[in-house]
Amino acid sequence: MDYLHIYGKNFELTEPIKSYIEEAVQSLLKLGLDITGVNATISADERNGRKGFLFEFDIHVAKKGSVVITQRDKDVYAAIDLALARAKKVLRRYADRIKSHKGVSLEEIMAEPMIEEEIQEALNYTDEIVPTPFDVDKPISVEEALEILKSSQRHFIVFEDKNGRVRVLYKRSDGRFGLY
């Protein structure tokens, strides 16, 4: 497979692992997309004293862009399987859009808001994500959010403004405030 490149960072690639990744990539090709290249990277990963693996798929689709999926797990095969499932979901969604003749890019699909089921699925993938509710239940003005932030020990606040947009107000290192 000339379009598949497998890399190991602080990790020794064995033939069984290479074969496993090749089989995973073959299953992506069955979706019927013009995949021009796939980079697969496995890294040894240690966080908070726990050893694990970081697996990344970088999948290039001709004339459309690329999809990057990163997955952590304590087992290298589990990380590959989880990343493969996520990649299939994104690419299948894209293939379905192509079949329905809607002009949409991979970036738009990757940026779509996740439905509740996908959020729960993402939370199951990694133990580093902690679900946190919105800071404020009703829309507020930026000025009101600034007062809430100033009166707390927090570094940022996520809120919905009066126009219905989700905003982030944060304390900068120079003592001023930033707004997204």
C-alpha atoms as a PDB file:
ATOM      1  CA  MET A   1       0.000   0.000   0.000  1.00  0.00           C
ATOM      2  CA  ASP A   2       1.858   3.029  -1.298  1.00  0.00           C
ATOM      3  CA  TYR A   3      -0.640   5.460   0.178  1.00  0.00           C
ATOM      4  CA  LEU A   4      -0.297   4.091   3.746  1.00  0.00           C
ATOM      5  CA  HIS A   5       2.510   5.277   6.007  1.00  0.00           C
ATOM      6  CA  ILE A   6       2.830   3.901   9.528  1.00  0.00           C
ATOM      7  CA  TYR A   7       5.000   5.656  12.082  1.00  0.00           C
ATOM      8  CA  GLY A   8       6.010   4.821  15.628  1.00  0.00           C
ATOM      9  CA  LYS A   9       7.107   7.478  18.114  1.00  0.00           C
ATOM     10  CA  ASN A  10       8.783   6.047  21.201  1.00  0.00           C
ATOM     11  CA  PHE A  11       7.126   2.819  20.138  1.00  0.00           C
ATOM     12  CA  GLU A  12       8.468  -0.227  18.306  1.00  0.00           C
ATOM     13  CA  LEU A  13       6.251  -1.166  15.381  1.00  0.00           C
ATOM     14  CA  THR A  14       5.825  -4.922  15.105  1.00  0.00           C
ATOM     15  CA  GLU A  15       4.579  -6.806  12.047  1.00  0.00           C
ATOM     16  CA  PRO A  16       1.285  -7.821  13.745  1.00  0.00           C
ATOM     17  CA  ILE A  17       0.514  -4.177  14.551  1.00  0.00           C
ATOM     18  CA  LYS A  18       1.397  -3.076  11.015  1.00  0.00           C
ATOM     19  CA  SER A  19      -0.876  -5.811   9.590  1.00  0.00           C
ATOM     20  CA  TYR A  20      -3.673  -4.783  11.941  1.00  0.00           C
ATOM     21  CA  ILE A  21      -3.451  -1.159  10.768  1.00  0.00           C
ATOM     22  CA  GLU A  22      -3.342  -2.237   7.108  1.00  0.00           C
ATOM     23  CA  GLU A  23      -6.550  -4.267   7.601  1.00  0.00           C
ATOM     24  CA  ALA A  24      -8.165  -1.261   9.307  1.00  0.00           C
ATOM     25  CA  VAL A  25      -7.278   0.981   6.378  1.00  0.00           C
ATOM     26  CA  GLN A  26      -8.631  -1.604   3.913  1.00  0.00           C
ATOM     27  CA  SER A  27     -11.998  -1.362   5.666  1.00  0.00           C
ATOM     28  CA  LEU A  28     -11.966   2.428   5.102  1.00  0.00           C
ATOM     29  CA  LEU A  29     -11.433   1.918   1.385  1.00  0.00           C
ATOM     30  CA  LYS A  30     -14.719  -0.001   1.177  1.00  0.00           C
ATOM     31  CA  LEU A  31     -16.594   3.266   1.747  1.00  0.00           C
ATOM     32  CA  GLY A  32     -15.929   4.180  -1.893  1.00  0.00           C
ATOM     33  CA  LEU A  33     -14.184   7.493  -1.285  1.00  0.00           C
ATOM     34  CA  ASP A  34     -11.066   8.510  -3.203  1.00  0.00           C
ATOM     35  CA  ILE A  35      -8.618   8.133  -0.304  1.00  0.00           C
ATOM     36  CA  THR A  36      -5.206   9.245  -1.567  1.00  0.00           C
ATOM     37  CA  GLY A  37      -3.170   8.746   1.567  1.00  0.00           C
ATOM     38  CA  VAL A  38      -3.287   7.589   5.151  1.00  0.00           C
ATOM     39  CA  ASN A  39      -0.750   8.339   7.846  1.00  0.00           C
ATOM     40  CA  ALA A  40      -1.014   6.242  10.985  1.00  0.00           C
ATOM     41  CA  THR A  41       1.079   7.203  14.006  1.00  0.00           C
ATOM     42  CA  ILE A  42       1.406   5.298  17.264  1.00  0.00           C
ATOM     43  CA  SER A  43       3.073   6.978  20.228  1.00  0.00           C
ATOM     44  CA  ALA A  44       3.816   5.747  23.695  1.00  0.00           C
ATOM     45  CA  ASP A  45       1.904   8.101  25.975  1.00  0.00           C
ATOM     46  CA  GLU A  46       2.236   8.582  29.706  1.00  0.00           C
ATOM     47  CA  ARG A  47      -0.077  10.900  31.614  1.00  0.00           C
ATOM     48  CA  ASN A  48      -0.337  11.266  35.348  1.00  0.00           C
ATOM     49  CA  GLY A  49       1.876   8.229  35.810  1.00  0.00           C
ATOM     50  CA  ARG A  50      -0.357   6.019  33.674  1.00  0.00           C
ATOM     51  CA  LYS A  51       1.090   4.423  30.572  1.00  0.00           C
ATOM     52  CA  GLY A  52      -0.903   4.181  27.404  1.00  0.00           C
ATOM     53  CA  PHE A  53      -0.849   4.771  23.688  1.00  0.00           C
ATOM     54  CA  LEU A  54      -1.843   7.603  21.398  1.00  0.00           C
ATOM     55  CA  PHE A  55      -2.998   6.551  17.934  1.00  0.00           C
ATOM     56  CA  GLU A  56      -3.633   9.033  15.126  1.00  0.00           C
ATOM     57  CA  PHE A  57      -5.185   8.544  11.702  1.00  0.00           C
ATOM     58  CA  ASP A  58      -4.568  11.304   9.147  1.00  0.00           C
ATOM     59  CA  ILE A  59      -6.737  10.365   6.166  1.00  0.00           C
ATOM     60  CA  HIS A  60      -6.492  12.372   2.924  1.00  0.00           C
ATOM     61  CA  VAL A  61      -9.447  12.382   0.528  1.00  0.00           C
ATOM     62  CA  ALA A  62      -8.781  13.622  -3.020  1.00  0.00           C
ATOM     63  CA  LYS A  63      -9.859  17.212  -3.671  1.00  0.00           C
ATOM     64  CA  LYS A  64     -11.805  17.324  -0.397  1.00  0.00           C
ATOM     65  CA  GLY A  65      -9.374  17.631   2.501  1.00  0.00           C
ATOM     66  CA  SER A  66      -8.264  15.423   5.316  1.00  0.00           C
ATOM     67  CA  VAL A  67      -9.677  13.877   8.465  1.00  0.00           C
ATOM     68  CA  VAL A  68      -7.527  13.620  11.567  1.00  0.00           C
ATOM     69  CA  ILE A  69      -8.645  11.270  14.316  1.00  0.00           C
ATOM     70  CA  THR A  70      -6.663  10.986  17.543  1.00  0.00           C
ATOM     71  CA  GLN A  71      -7.367   8.334  20.140  1.00  0.00           C
ATOM     72  CA  ARG A  72      -5.784   7.462  23.505  1.00  0.00           C
ATOM     73  CA  ASP A  73      -6.088   4.128  25.252  1.00  0.00           C
ATOM     74  CA  LYS A  74      -4.103   1.900  27.561  1.00  0.00           C
ATOM     75  CA  ASP A  75      -4.192  -0.840  24.898  1.00  0.00           C
ATOM     76  CA  VAL A  76      -2.740  -0.124  21.454  1.00  0.00           C
ATOM     77  CA  TYR A  77      -5.257  -2.341  19.636  1.00  0.00           C
ATOM     78  CA  ALA A  78      -8.172  -0.695  21.446  1.00  0.00           C
ATOM     79  CA  ALA A  79      -6.853   2.744  20.461  1.00  0.00           C
ATOM     80  CA  ILE A  80      -6.675   1.623  16.820  1.00  0.00           C
ATOM     81  CA  ASP A  81     -10.195   0.158  16.925  1.00  0.00           C
ATOM     82  CA  LEU A  82     -11.702   3.264  18.525  1.00  0.00           C
ATOM     83  CA  ALA A  83      -9.955   5.586  16.055  1.00  0.00           C
ATOM     84  CA  LEU A  84     -11.108   3.391  13.176  1.00  0.00           C
ATOM     85  CA  ALA A  85     -14.728   3.505  14.375  1.00  0.00           C
ATOM     86  CA  ARG A  86     -14.612   7.295  14.628  1.00  0.00           C
ATOM     87  CA  ALA A  87     -12.962   7.616  11.184  1.00  0.00           C
ATOM     88  CA  LYS A  88     -15.588   5.349   9.623  1.00  0.00           C
ATOM     89  CA  LYS A  89     -18.366   7.430  11.146  1.00  0.00           C
ATOM     90  CA  VAL A  90     -16.992  10.690   9.709  1.00  0.00           C
ATOM     91  CA  LEU A  91     -16.172   9.213   6.300  1.00  0.00           C
ATOM     92  CA  ARG A  92     -19.508   7.365   6.060  1.00  0.00           C
ATOM     93  CA  ARG A  93     -21.329  10.600   6.856  1.00  0.00           C
ATOM     94  CA  TYR A  94     -19.329  12.320   4.124  1.00  0.00           C
ATOM     95  CA  ALA A  95     -19.985   9.498   1.616  1.00  0.00           C
ATOM     96  CA  ASP A  96     -23.718   9.734   2.363  1.00  0.00           C
ATOM     97  CA  ARG A  97     -23.648  13.459   1.706  1.00  0.00           C
ATOM     98  CA  ILE A  98     -21.917  12.912  -1.627  1.00  0.00           C
ATOM     99  CA  LYS A  99     -24.562  10.365  -2.629  1.00  0.00           C
ATOM    100  CA  SER A 100     -27.318  12.840  -1.764  1.00  0.00           C
ATOM    101  CA  HIS A 101     -25.579  15.346  -4.091  1.00  0.00           C
ATOM    102  CA  LYS A 102     -25.000  17.968  -1.432  1.00  0.00           C
ATOM    103  CA  GLY A 103     -21.792  19.920  -1.905  1.00  0.00           C
ATOM    104  CA  VAL A 104     -20.141  19.710   1.504  1.00  0.00           C
ATOM    105  CA  SER A 105     -16.528  19.570   2.597  1.00  0.00           C
ATOM    106  CA  LEU A 106     -14.918  17.271   5.135  1.00  0.00           C
ATOM    107  CA  GLU A 107     -14.151  20.280   7.316  1.00  0.00           C
ATOM    108  CA  GLU A 108     -17.851  21.116   7.514  1.00  0.00           C
ATOM    109  CA  ILE A 109     -18.700  17.580   8.573  1.00  0.00           C
ATOM    110  CA  MET A 110     -15.921  17.539  11.178  1.00  0.00           C
ATOM    111  CA  ALA A 111     -17.171  20.898  12.521  1.00  0.00           C
ATOM    112  CA  GLU A 112     -20.845  19.903  12.766  1.00  0.00           C
ATOM    113  CA  PRO A 113     -22.196  19.938  16.288  1.00  0.00           C
ATOM    114  CA  MET A 114     -22.276  16.522  17.888  1.00  0.00           C
ATOM    115  CA  ILE A 115     -25.568  14.971  18.816  1.00  0.00           C
ATOM    116  CA  GLU A 116     -26.012  13.767  22.404  1.00  0.00           C
ATOM    117  CA  GLU A 117     -25.207  10.149  21.449  1.00  0.00           C
ATOM    118  CA  GLU A 118     -21.865  11.207  19.927  1.00  0.00           C
ATOM    119  CA  ILE A 119     -21.030  13.316  22.985  1.00  0.00           C
ATOM    120  CA  GLN A 120     -21.597  10.311  25.253  1.00  0.00           C
ATOM    121  CA  GLU A 121     -19.505   8.196  22.891  1.00  0.00           C
ATOM    122  CA  ALA A 122     -16.684  10.763  22.993  1.00  0.00           C
ATOM    123  CA  LEU A 123     -16.802  10.804  26.777  1.00  0.00           C
ATOM    124  CA  ASN A 124     -16.347   7.041  26.798  1.00  0.00           C
ATOM    125  CA  TYR A 125     -13.248   7.304  24.595  1.00  0.00           C
ATOM    126  CA  THR A 126     -11.095   9.152  27.046  1.00  0.00           C
ATOM    127  CA  ASP A 127     -10.955   9.616  30.767  1.00  0.00           C
ATOM    128  CA  GLU A 128      -9.653  13.167  30.428  1.00  0.00           C
ATOM    129  CA  ILE A 129     -12.954  14.774  29.411  1.00  0.00           C
ATOM    130  CA  VAL A 130     -15.227  15.849  32.229  1.00  0.00           C
ATOM    131  CA  PRO A 131     -18.720  16.965  31.186  1.00  0.00           C
ATOM    132  CA  THR A 132     -19.461  20.433  32.511  1.00  0.00           C
ATOM    133  CA  PRO A 133     -22.792  22.241  32.216  1.00  0.00           C
ATOM    134  CA  PHE A 134     -23.081  25.795  30.929  1.00  0.00           C
ATOM    135  CA  ASP A 135     -22.159  28.401  33.499  1.00  0.00           C
ATOM    136  CA  VAL A 136     -25.408  30.330  33.058  1.00  0.00           C
ATOM    137  CA  ASP A 137     -28.877  28.901  32.332  1.00  0.00           C
ATOM    138  CA  LYS A 138     -30.321  31.839  30.416  1.00  0.00           C
ATOM    139  CA  PRO A 139     -28.916  34.270  27.840  1.00  0.00           C
ATOM    140  CA  ILE A 140     -26.971  37.160  29.387  1.00  0.00           C
ATOM    141  CA  SER A 141     -25.107  40.195  28.120  1.00  0.00           C
ATOM    142  CA  VAL A 142     -21.333  40.368  27.910  1.00  0.00           C
ATOM    143  CA  GLU A 143     -21.365  42.949  30.695  1.00  0.00           C
ATOM    144  CA  GLU A 144     -23.267  40.567  32.990  1.00  0.00           C
ATOM    145  CA  ALA A 145     -20.815  37.766  32.173  1.00  0.00           C
ATOM    146  CA  LEU A 146     -17.920  40.112  32.975  1.00  0.00           C
ATOM    147  CA  GLU A 147     -19.390  40.880  36.395  1.00  0.00           C
ATOM    148  CA  ILE A 148     -19.856  37.163  37.117  1.00  0.00           C
ATOM    149  CA  LEU A 149     -16.252  36.459  36.095  1.00  0.00           C
ATOM    150  CA  LYS A 150     -14.837  39.360  38.121  1.00  0.00           C
ATOM    151  CA  SER A 151     -16.678  38.220  41.242  1.00  0.00           C
ATOM    152  CA  SER A 152     -15.383  34.634  41.011  1.00  0.00           C
ATOM    153  CA  GLN A 153     -12.014  32.901  41.232  1.00  0.00           C
ATOM    154  CA  ARG A 154     -12.546  31.302  37.825  1.00  0.00           C
ATOM    155  CA  HIS A 155     -10.416  31.939  34.753  1.00  0.00           C
ATOM    156  CA  PHE A 156     -13.223  31.868  32.183  1.00  0.00           C
ATOM    157  CA  ILE A 157     -16.990  31.679  31.746  1.00  0.00           C
ATOM    158  CA  VAL A 158     -18.991  30.066  28.946  1.00  0.00           C
ATOM    159  CA  PHE A 159     -22.381  31.653  28.309  1.00  0.00           C
ATOM    160  CA  GLU A 160     -25.047  32.308  25.706  1.00  0.00           C
ATOM    161  CA  ASP A 161     -25.348  35.963  24.738  1.00  0.00           C
ATOM    162  CA  LYS A 162     -28.569  37.855  23.958  1.00  0.00           C
ATOM    163  CA  ASN A 163     -28.189  36.931  20.233  1.00  0.00           C
ATOM    164  CA  GLY A 164     -28.131  33.197  21.003  1.00  0.00           C
ATOM    165  CA  ARG A 165     -24.393  32.723  20.344  1.00  0.00           C
ATOM    166  CA  VAL A 166     -22.222  30.705  22.717  1.00  0.00           C
ATOM    167  CA  ARG A 167     -19.399  32.933  23.982  1.00  0.00           C
ATOM    168  CA  VAL A 168     -16.327  32.493  26.167  1.00  0.00           C
ATOM    169  CA  LEU A 169     -15.069  35.331  28.346  1.00  0.00           C
ATOM    170  CA  TYR A 170     -11.653  34.740  29.907  1.00  0.00           C
ATOM    171  CA  LYS A 171      -9.033  36.432  32.076  1.00  0.00           C
ATOM    172  CA  ARG A 172      -5.834  37.239  30.215  1.00  0.00           C
ATOM    173  CA  SER A 173      -2.385  37.122  31.785  1.00  0.00           C
ATOM    174  CA  ASP A 174      -2.083  40.942  31.467  1.00  0.00           C
ATOM    175  CA  GLY A 175      -5.132  41.438  33.722  1.00  0.00           C
ATOM    176  CA  ARG A 176      -7.514  42.329  30.894  1.00  0.00           C
ATOM    177  CA  PHE A 177     -10.313  40.151  29.533  1.00  0.00           C
ATOM    178  CA  GLY A 178     -10.711  38.342  26.209  1.00  0.00           C
ATOM    179  CA  LEU A 179     -13.948  37.371  24.471  1.00  0.00           C
ATOM    180  CA  TYR A 180     -14.643  34.623  21.924  1.00  0.00           C
END
